Amino acid sequence: VPIIAGTNTDEGTAFGPTGVNTTQQFYAYLTDG
């Protein structure tokens, strides 16, 4: 059936982590749950 579907540009500010300062920390965020 026909739909309207959309998102907001900065959705990530509501769902992303804070306090990630290094690539190693980002990698851990992705792999450790």
Full PDB file with SEQRES, HELIX, SHEET, SSBOND, CRYST1, ORIGX, SCALE, CONECT and MASTER records, all heavy atoms in Angstrom:
SEQRES   1 A   33  VAL PRO ILE ILE ALA GLY THR ASN THR ASP GLU GLY THR          
SEQRES   2 A   33  ALA PHE GLY PRO THR GLY VAL ASN THR THR GLN GLN PHE          
SEQRES   3 A   33  TYR ALA TYR LEU THR ASP GLY                                  
HELIX    1 AA1 GLY A   12  PHE A   15  1                                   4    
HELIX    2 AA2 THR A   23  THR A   31  1                                   9    
CRYST1    1.000    1.000    1.000  90.00  90.00  90.00 P 1           1          
ORIGX1      1.000000  0.000000  0.000000        0.00000                         
ORIGX2      0.000000  1.000000  0.000000        0.00000                         
ORIGX3      0.000000  0.000000  1.000000        0.00000                         
SCALE1      1.000000  0.000000  0.000000        0.00000                         
SCALE2      0.000000  1.000000  0.000000        0.00000                         
SCALE3      0.000000  0.000000  1.000000        0.00000                         
ATOM      1  N   VAL A   1       0.858  -1.187   0.000  1.00  0.00           N  
ATOM      2  CA  VAL A   1       0.000   0.000   0.000  1.00  0.00           C  
ATOM      3  C   VAL A   1       0.895   1.238   0.000  1.00  0.00           C  
ATOM      4  O   VAL A   1       2.061   1.179   0.395  1.00  0.00           O  
ATOM      5  CB  VAL A   1      -0.929   0.016   1.237  1.00  0.00           C  
ATOM      6  CG1 VAL A   1      -1.908  -1.139   1.205  1.00  0.00           C  
ATOM      7  CG2 VAL A   1      -0.102   0.006   2.534  1.00  0.00           C  
ATOM      8  N   PRO A   2       0.398   2.385  -0.433  1.00  0.00           N  
ATOM      9  CA  PRO A   2       1.200   3.613  -0.430  1.00  0.00           C  
ATOM     10  C   PRO A   2       1.657   3.991   0.977  1.00  0.00           C  
ATOM     11  O   PRO A   2       0.937   3.771   1.956  1.00  0.00           O  
ATOM     12  CB  PRO A   2       0.233   4.666  -0.996  1.00  0.00           C  
ATOM     13  CG  PRO A   2      -0.748   3.888  -1.810  1.00  0.00           C  
ATOM     14  CD  PRO A   2      -0.925   2.591  -1.068  1.00  0.00           C  
ATOM     15  N   ILE A   3       2.858   4.570   1.055  1.00  0.00           N  
ATOM     16  CA  ILE A   3       3.411   4.974   2.348  1.00  0.00           C  
ATOM     17  C   ILE A   3       4.029   6.359   2.273  1.00  0.00           C  
ATOM     18  O   ILE A   3       4.424   6.827   1.209  1.00  0.00           O  
ATOM     19  CB  ILE A   3       4.493   3.993   2.863  1.00  0.00           C  
ATOM     20  CG1 ILE A   3       5.692   3.941   1.895  1.00  0.00           C  
ATOM     21  CG2 ILE A   3       3.912   2.612   3.122  1.00  0.00           C  
ATOM     22  CD1 ILE A   3       6.905   3.207   2.451  1.00  0.00           C  
ATOM     23  N   ILE A   4       4.099   7.004   3.432  1.00  0.00           N  
ATOM     24  CA  ILE A   4       5.039   8.084   3.714  1.00  0.00           C  
ATOM     25  C   ILE A   4       6.034   7.520   4.707  1.00  0.00           C  
ATOM     26  O   ILE A   4       5.649   6.888   5.695  1.00  0.00           O  
ATOM     27  CB  ILE A   4       4.338   9.318   4.310  1.00  0.00           C  
ATOM     28  CG1 ILE A   4       3.535  10.062   3.237  1.00  0.00           C  
ATOM     29  CG2 ILE A   4       5.344  10.269   4.947  1.00  0.00           C  
ATOM     30  CD1 ILE A   4       2.734  11.245   3.766  1.00  0.00           C  
ATOM     31  N   ALA A   5       7.323   7.729   4.454  1.00  0.00           N  
ATOM     32  CA  ALA A   5       8.352   7.217   5.370  1.00  0.00           C  
ATOM     33  C   ALA A   5       9.498   8.214   5.438  1.00  0.00           C  
ATOM     34  O   ALA A   5       9.994   8.675   4.401  1.00  0.00           O  
ATOM     35  CB  ALA A   5       8.869   5.855   4.898  1.00  0.00           C  
ATOM     36  N   GLY A   6       9.917   8.565   6.644  1.00  0.00           N  
ATOM     37  CA  GLY A   6      10.998   9.531   6.764  1.00  0.00           C  
ATOM     38  C   GLY A   6      11.715   9.469   8.093  1.00  0.00           C  
ATOM     39  O   GLY A   6      11.309   8.748   9.018  1.00  0.00           O  
ATOM     40  N   THR A   7      12.791  10.220   8.165  1.00  0.00           N  
ATOM     41  CA  THR A   7      13.608  10.310   9.374  1.00  0.00           C  
ATOM     42  C   THR A   7      14.080  11.755   9.538  1.00  0.00           C  
ATOM     43  O   THR A   7      13.931  12.574   8.625  1.00  0.00           O  
ATOM     44  CB  THR A   7      14.832   9.382   9.293  1.00  0.00           C  
ATOM     45  OG1 THR A   7      15.452   9.543   7.999  1.00  0.00           O  
ATOM     46  CG2 THR A   7      14.453   7.933   9.468  1.00  0.00           C  
ATOM     47  N   ASN A   8      14.666  12.036  10.690  1.00  0.00           N  
ATOM     48  CA  ASN A   8      15.184  13.367  10.985  1.00  0.00           C  
ATOM     49  C   ASN A   8      16.701  13.377  10.861  1.00  0.00           C  
ATOM     50  O   ASN A   8      17.366  12.416  11.264  1.00  0.00           O  
ATOM     51  CB  ASN A   8      14.756  13.806  12.379  1.00  0.00           C  
ATOM     52  CG  ASN A   8      13.246  13.876  12.527  1.00  0.00           C  
ATOM     53  OD1 ASN A   8      12.504  13.783  11.539  1.00  0.00           O  
ATOM     54  ND2 ASN A   8      12.775  14.048  13.748  1.00  0.00           N  
ATOM     55  N   THR A   9      17.246  14.448  10.338  1.00  0.00           N  
ATOM     56  CA  THR A   9      18.666  14.503  10.002  1.00  0.00           C  
ATOM     57  C   THR A   9      19.559  14.033  11.138  1.00  0.00           C  
ATOM     58  O   THR A   9      20.468  13.217  10.944  1.00  0.00           O  
ATOM     59  CB  THR A   9      19.060  15.939   9.599  1.00  0.00           C  
ATOM     60  OG1 THR A   9      18.310  16.320   8.447  1.00  0.00           O  
ATOM     61  CG2 THR A   9      20.542  16.034   9.300  1.00  0.00           C  
ATOM     62  N   ASP A  10      19.321  14.524  12.336  1.00  0.00           N  
ATOM     63  CA  ASP A  10      20.230  14.267  13.453  1.00  0.00           C  
ATOM     64  C   ASP A  10      19.669  13.244  14.438  1.00  0.00           C  
ATOM     65  O   ASP A  10      19.779  13.410  15.663  1.00  0.00           O  
ATOM     66  CB  ASP A  10      20.568  15.572  14.164  1.00  0.00           C  
ATOM     67  CG  ASP A  10      21.249  16.570  13.240  1.00  0.00           C  
ATOM     68  OD1 ASP A  10      22.152  16.158  12.490  1.00  0.00           O  
ATOM     69  OD2 ASP A  10      20.874  17.756  13.259  1.00  0.00           O  
ATOM     70  N   GLU A  11      19.067  12.172  13.933  1.00  0.00           N  
ATOM     71  CA  GLU A  11      18.565  11.095  14.796  1.00  0.00           C  
ATOM     72  C   GLU A  11      19.657  10.594  15.743  1.00  0.00           C  
ATOM     73  O   GLU A  11      19.400  10.222  16.888  1.00  0.00           O  
ATOM     74  CB  GLU A  11      18.058   9.926  13.952  1.00  0.00           C  
ATOM     75  CG  GLU A  11      16.929  10.242  13.003  1.00  0.00           C  
ATOM     76  CD  GLU A  11      15.552  10.114  13.632  1.00  0.00           C  
ATOM     77  OE1 GLU A  11      15.464   9.895  14.854  1.00  0.00           O  
ATOM     78  OE2 GLU A  11      14.549  10.255  12.888  1.00  0.00           O  
ATOM     79  N   GLY A  12      20.895  10.589  15.274  1.00  0.00           N  
ATOM     80  CA  GLY A  12      21.986  10.014  16.061  1.00  0.00           C  
ATOM     81  C   GLY A  12      22.276  10.727  17.349  1.00  0.00           C  
ATOM     82  O   GLY A  12      22.845  10.136  18.272  1.00  0.00           O  
ATOM     83  N   THR A  13      21.899  12.017  17.476  1.00  0.00           N  
ATOM     84  CA  THR A  13      22.149  12.708  18.740  1.00  0.00           C  
ATOM     85  C   THR A  13      21.267  12.156  19.853  1.00  0.00           C  
ATOM     86  O   THR A  13      21.558  12.344  21.036  1.00  0.00           O  
ATOM     87  CB  THR A  13      21.913  14.222  18.607  1.00  0.00           C  
ATOM     88  OG1 THR A  13      20.544  14.470  18.256  1.00  0.00           O  
ATOM     89  CG2 THR A  13      22.820  14.823  17.539  1.00  0.00           C  
ATOM     90  N   ALA A  14      20.170  11.468  19.486  1.00  0.00           N  
ATOM     91  CA  ALA A  14      19.291  10.849  20.485  1.00  0.00           C  
ATOM     92  C   ALA A  14      19.706   9.425  20.802  1.00  0.00           C  
ATOM     93  O   ALA A  14      19.413   8.924  21.890  1.00  0.00           O  
ATOM     94  CB  ALA A  14      17.846  10.855  19.983  1.00  0.00           C  
ATOM     95  N   PHE A  15      20.388   8.753  19.870  1.00  0.00           N  
ATOM     96  CA  PHE A  15      20.643   7.322  20.036  1.00  0.00           C  
ATOM     97  C   PHE A  15      22.120   6.954  20.134  1.00  0.00           C  
ATOM     98  O   PHE A  15      22.455   5.812  20.465  1.00  0.00           O  
ATOM     99  CB  PHE A  15      20.020   6.550  18.865  1.00  0.00           C  
ATOM    100  CG  PHE A  15      18.535   6.719  18.764  1.00  0.00           C  
ATOM    101  CD1 PHE A  15      17.975   7.512  17.773  1.00  0.00           C  
ATOM    102  CD2 PHE A  15      17.692   6.113  19.677  1.00  0.00           C  
ATOM    103  CE1 PHE A  15      16.604   7.683  17.681  1.00  0.00           C  
ATOM    104  CE2 PHE A  15      16.325   6.281  19.599  1.00  0.00           C  
ATOM    105  CZ  PHE A  15      15.774   7.067  18.595  1.00  0.00           C  
ATOM    106  N   GLY A  16      23.013   7.882  19.829  1.00  0.00           N  
ATOM    107  CA  GLY A  16      24.435   7.559  19.843  1.00  0.00           C  
ATOM    108  C   GLY A  16      25.054   7.664  21.222  1.00  0.00           C  
ATOM    109  O   GLY A  16      24.484   8.261  22.139  1.00  0.00           O  
ATOM    110  N   PRO A  17      26.254   7.113  21.386  1.00  0.00           N  
ATOM    111  CA  PRO A  17      26.949   7.161  22.679  1.00  0.00           C  
ATOM    112  C   PRO A  17      27.626   8.505  22.892  1.00  0.00           C  
ATOM    113  O   PRO A  17      27.853   9.265  21.942  1.00  0.00           O  
ATOM    114  CB  PRO A  17      27.997   6.051  22.535  1.00  0.00           C  
ATOM    115  CG  PRO A  17      28.346   6.077  21.071  1.00  0.00           C  
ATOM    116  CD  PRO A  17      27.031   6.381  20.361  1.00  0.00           C  
ATOM    117  N   THR A  18      27.938   8.800  24.119  1.00  0.00           N  
ATOM    118  CA  THR A  18      28.780   9.944  24.449  1.00  0.00           C  
ATOM    119  C   THR A  18      30.044   9.421  25.119  1.00  0.00           C  
ATOM    120  O   THR A  18      30.095   8.289  25.597  1.00  0.00           O  
ATOM    121  CB  THR A  18      28.055  10.925  25.387  1.00  0.00           C  
ATOM    122  OG1 THR A  18      27.648  10.224  26.577  1.00  0.00           O  
ATOM    123  CG2 THR A  18      26.825  11.524  24.713  1.00  0.00           C  
ATOM    124  N   GLY A  19      31.060  10.257  25.144  1.00  0.00           N  
ATOM    125  CA  GLY A  19      32.300   9.879  25.819  1.00  0.00           C  
ATOM    126  C   GLY A  19      33.242   9.033  25.000  1.00  0.00           C  
ATOM    127  O   GLY A  19      34.224   8.504  25.544  1.00  0.00           O  
ATOM    128  N   VAL A  20      33.005   8.886  23.709  1.00  0.00           N  
ATOM    129  CA  VAL A  20      33.927   8.140  22.841  1.00  0.00           C  
ATOM    130  C   VAL A  20      34.977   9.119  22.318  1.00  0.00           C  
ATOM    131  O   VAL A  20      34.655  10.048  21.569  1.00  0.00           O  
ATOM    132  CB  VAL A  20      33.183   7.468  21.668  1.00  0.00           C  
ATOM    133  CG1 VAL A  20      34.179   6.835  20.698  1.00  0.00           C  
ATOM    134  CG2 VAL A  20      32.219   6.420  22.192  1.00  0.00           C  
ATOM    135  N   ASN A  21      36.230   8.907  22.713  1.00  0.00           N  
ATOM    136  CA  ASN A  21      37.302   9.838  22.383  1.00  0.00           C  
ATOM    137  C   ASN A  21      38.322   9.297  21.401  1.00  0.00           C  
ATOM    138  O   ASN A  21      39.083  10.062  20.812  1.00  0.00           O  
ATOM    139  CB  ASN A  21      38.034  10.275  23.659  1.00  0.00           C  
ATOM    140  CG  ASN A  21      37.132  11.050  24.600  1.00  0.00           C  
ATOM    141  OD1 ASN A  21      36.577  12.077  24.215  1.00  0.00           O  
ATOM    142  ND2 ASN A  21      36.994  10.571  25.829  1.00  0.00           N  
ATOM    143  N   THR A  22      38.348   7.970  21.209  1.00  0.00           N  
ATOM    144  CA  THR A  22      39.358   7.366  20.346  1.00  0.00           C  
ATOM    145  C   THR A  22      38.721   6.325  19.433  1.00  0.00           C  
ATOM    146  O   THR A  22      37.623   5.823  19.705  1.00  0.00           O  
ATOM    147  CB  THR A  22      40.449   6.668  21.175  1.00  0.00           C  
ATOM    148  OG1 THR A  22      39.873   5.532  21.848  1.00  0.00           O  
ATOM    149  CG2 THR A  22      41.064   7.611  22.205  1.00  0.00           C  
ATOM    150  N   THR A  23      39.431   5.993  18.363  1.00  0.00           N  
ATOM    151  CA  THR A  23      38.963   4.950  17.452  1.00  0.00           C  
ATOM    152  C   THR A  23      38.876   3.619  18.181  1.00  0.00           C  
ATOM    153  O   THR A  23      37.964   2.817  17.923  1.00  0.00           O  
ATOM    154  CB  THR A  23      39.911   4.848  16.247  1.00  0.00           C  
ATOM    155  OG1 THR A  23      39.840   6.068  15.495  1.00  0.00           O  
ATOM    156  CG2 THR A  23      39.535   3.680  15.341  1.00  0.00           C  
ATOM    157  N   GLN A  24      39.789   3.368  19.100  1.00  0.00           N  
ATOM    158  CA  GLN A  24      39.760   2.118  19.869  1.00  0.00           C  
ATOM    159  C   GLN A  24      38.477   2.020  20.698  1.00  0.00           C  
ATOM    160  O   GLN A  24      37.864   0.944  20.789  1.00  0.00           O  
ATOM    161  CB  GLN A  24      40.992   2.018  20.785  1.00  0.00           C  
ATOM    162  CG  GLN A  24      42.316   1.808  20.054  1.00  0.00           C  
ATOM    163  CD  GLN A  24      42.791   3.058  19.315  1.00  0.00           C  
ATOM    164  OE1 GLN A  24      42.427   4.193  19.679  1.00  0.00           O  
ATOM    165  NE2 GLN A  24      43.595   2.852  18.269  1.00  0.00           N  
ATOM    166  N   GLN A  25      38.065   3.134  21.278  1.00  0.00           N  
ATOM    167  CA  GLN A  25      36.826   3.131  22.049  1.00  0.00           C  
ATOM    168  C   GLN A  25      35.606   2.921  21.149  1.00  0.00           C  
ATOM    169  O   GLN A  25      34.659   2.225  21.518  1.00  0.00           O  
ATOM    170  CB  GLN A  25      36.688   4.445  22.822  1.00  0.00           C  
ATOM    171  CG  GLN A  25      37.663   4.585  23.980  1.00  0.00           C  
ATOM    172  CD  GLN A  25      37.579   5.950  24.654  1.00  0.00           C  
ATOM    173  OE1 GLN A  25      37.117   6.925  24.054  1.00  0.00           O  
ATOM    174  NE2 GLN A  25      38.036   6.032  25.898  1.00  0.00           N  
ATOM    175  N   PHE A  26      35.626   3.501  19.970  1.00  0.00           N  
ATOM    176  CA  PHE A  26      34.531   3.298  19.017  1.00  0.00           C  
ATOM    177  C   PHE A  26      34.484   1.828  18.586  1.00  0.00           C  
ATOM    178  O   PHE A  26      33.409   1.222  18.513  1.00  0.00           O  
ATOM    179  CB  PHE A  26      34.721   4.224  17.812  1.00  0.00           C  
ATOM    180  CG  PHE A  26      33.573   4.241  16.841  1.00  0.00           C  
ATOM    181  CD1 PHE A  26      32.296   3.808  17.203  1.00  0.00           C  
ATOM    182  CD2 PHE A  26      33.755   4.707  15.542  1.00  0.00           C  
ATOM    183  CE1 PHE A  26      31.239   3.843  16.294  1.00  0.00           C  
ATOM    184  CE2 PHE A  26      32.707   4.734  14.627  1.00  0.00           C  
ATOM    185  CZ  PHE A  26      31.451   4.295  15.003  1.00  0.00           C  
ATOM    186  N   TYR A  27      35.638   1.242  18.334  1.00  0.00           N  
ATOM    187  CA  TYR A  27      35.696  -0.178  17.957  1.00  0.00           C  
ATOM    188  C   TYR A  27      35.131  -1.049  19.077  1.00  0.00           C  
ATOM    189  O   TYR A  27      34.352  -1.986  18.825  1.00  0.00           O  
ATOM    190  CB  TYR A  27      37.140  -0.578  17.651  1.00  0.00           C  
ATOM    191  CG  TYR A  27      37.312  -2.028  17.276  1.00  0.00           C  
ATOM    192  CD1 TYR A  27      36.994  -2.475  15.993  1.00  0.00           C  
ATOM    193  CD2 TYR A  27      37.789  -2.958  18.196  1.00  0.00           C  
ATOM    194  CE1 TYR A  27      37.153  -3.809  15.640  1.00  0.00           C  
ATOM    195  CE2 TYR A  27      37.943  -4.295  17.852  1.00  0.00           C  
ATOM    196  CZ  TYR A  27      37.623  -4.710  16.573  1.00  0.00           C  
ATOM    197  OH  TYR A  27      37.776  -6.042  16.237  1.00  0.00           O  
ATOM    198  N   ALA A  28      35.475  -0.732  20.307  1.00  0.00           N  
ATOM    199  CA  ALA A  28      34.941  -1.493  21.444  1.00  0.00           C  
ATOM    200  C   ALA A  28      33.426  -1.344  21.530  1.00  0.00           C  
ATOM    201  O   ALA A  28      32.707  -2.315  21.801  1.00  0.00           O  
ATOM    202  CB  ALA A  28      35.601  -1.027  22.740  1.00  0.00           C  
ATOM    203  N   TYR A  29      32.949  -0.133  21.285  1.00  0.00           N  
ATOM    204  CA  TYR A  29      31.501   0.106  21.289  1.00  0.00           C  
ATOM    205  C   TYR A  29      30.797  -0.783  20.272  1.00  0.00           C  
ATOM    206  O   TYR A  29      29.702  -1.303  20.521  1.00  0.00           O  
ATOM    207  CB  TYR A  29      31.255   1.586  20.989  1.00  0.00           C  
ATOM    208  CG  TYR A  29      29.820   1.967  20.724  1.00  0.00           C  
ATOM    209  CD1 TYR A  29      28.923   2.154  21.775  1.00  0.00           C  
ATOM    210  CD2 TYR A  29      29.365   2.165  19.421  1.00  0.00           C  
ATOM    211  CE1 TYR A  29      27.601   2.530  21.524  1.00  0.00           C  
ATOM    212  CE2 TYR A  29      28.045   2.544  19.171  1.00  0.00           C  
ATOM    213  CZ  TYR A  29      27.179   2.715  20.225  1.00  0.00           C  
ATOM    214  OH  TYR A  29      25.876   3.078  19.979  1.00  0.00           O  
ATOM    215  N   LEU A  30      31.405  -0.990  19.135  1.00  0.00           N  
ATOM    216  CA  LEU A  30      30.810  -1.802  18.073  1.00  0.00           C  
ATOM    217  C   LEU A  30      30.865  -3.295  18.353  1.00  0.00           C  
ATOM    218  O   LEU A  30      29.998  -4.049  17.901  1.00  0.00           O  
ATOM    219  CB  LEU A  30      31.517  -1.515  16.740  1.00  0.00           C  
ATOM    220  CG  LEU A  30      31.394  -0.099  16.179  1.00  0.00           C  
ATOM    221  CD1 LEU A  30      32.337   0.090  14.996  1.00  0.00           C  
ATOM    222  CD2 LEU A  30      29.958   0.195  15.769  1.00  0.00           C  
ATOM    223  N   THR A  31      31.851  -3.726  19.095  1.00  0.00           N  
ATOM    224  CA  THR A  31      32.094  -5.165  19.209  1.00  0.00           C  
ATOM    225  C   THR A  31      31.790  -5.781  20.569  1.00  0.00           C  
ATOM    226  O   THR A  31      31.676  -7.009  20.665  1.00  0.00           O  
ATOM    227  CB  THR A  31      33.566  -5.484  18.864  1.00  0.00           C  
ATOM    228  OG1 THR A  31      34.431  -4.726  19.736  1.00  0.00           O  
ATOM    229  CG2 THR A  31      33.870  -5.149  17.420  1.00  0.00           C  
ATOM    230  N   ASP A  32      31.655  -4.971  21.609  1.00  0.00           N  
ATOM    231  CA  ASP A  32      31.486  -5.571  22.943  1.00  0.00           C  
ATOM    232  C   ASP A  32      30.055  -5.514  23.467  1.00  0.00           C  
ATOM    233  O   ASP A  32      29.803  -5.805  24.633  1.00  0.00           O  
ATOM    234  CB  ASP A  32      32.434  -4.938  23.952  1.00  0.00           C  
ATOM    235  CG  ASP A  32      32.122  -3.468  24.245  1.00  0.00           C  
ATOM    236  OD1 ASP A  32      31.096  -2.962  23.739  1.00  0.00           O  
ATOM    237  OD2 ASP A  32      32.912  -2.832  24.960  1.00  0.00           O  
ATOM    238  N   GLY A  33      29.106  -5.114  22.622  1.00  0.00           N  
ATOM    239  CA  GLY A  33      27.712  -5.130  23.034  1.00  0.00           C  
ATOM    240  C   GLY A  33      27.187  -3.825  23.558  1.00  0.00           C  
ATOM    241  O   GLY A  33      25.984  -3.703  23.832  1.00  0.00           O  
TER     242      GLY A  33                                                      
MASTER        0    0    0    2    0    0    0    6  241    1    0    3          
END                                                                             
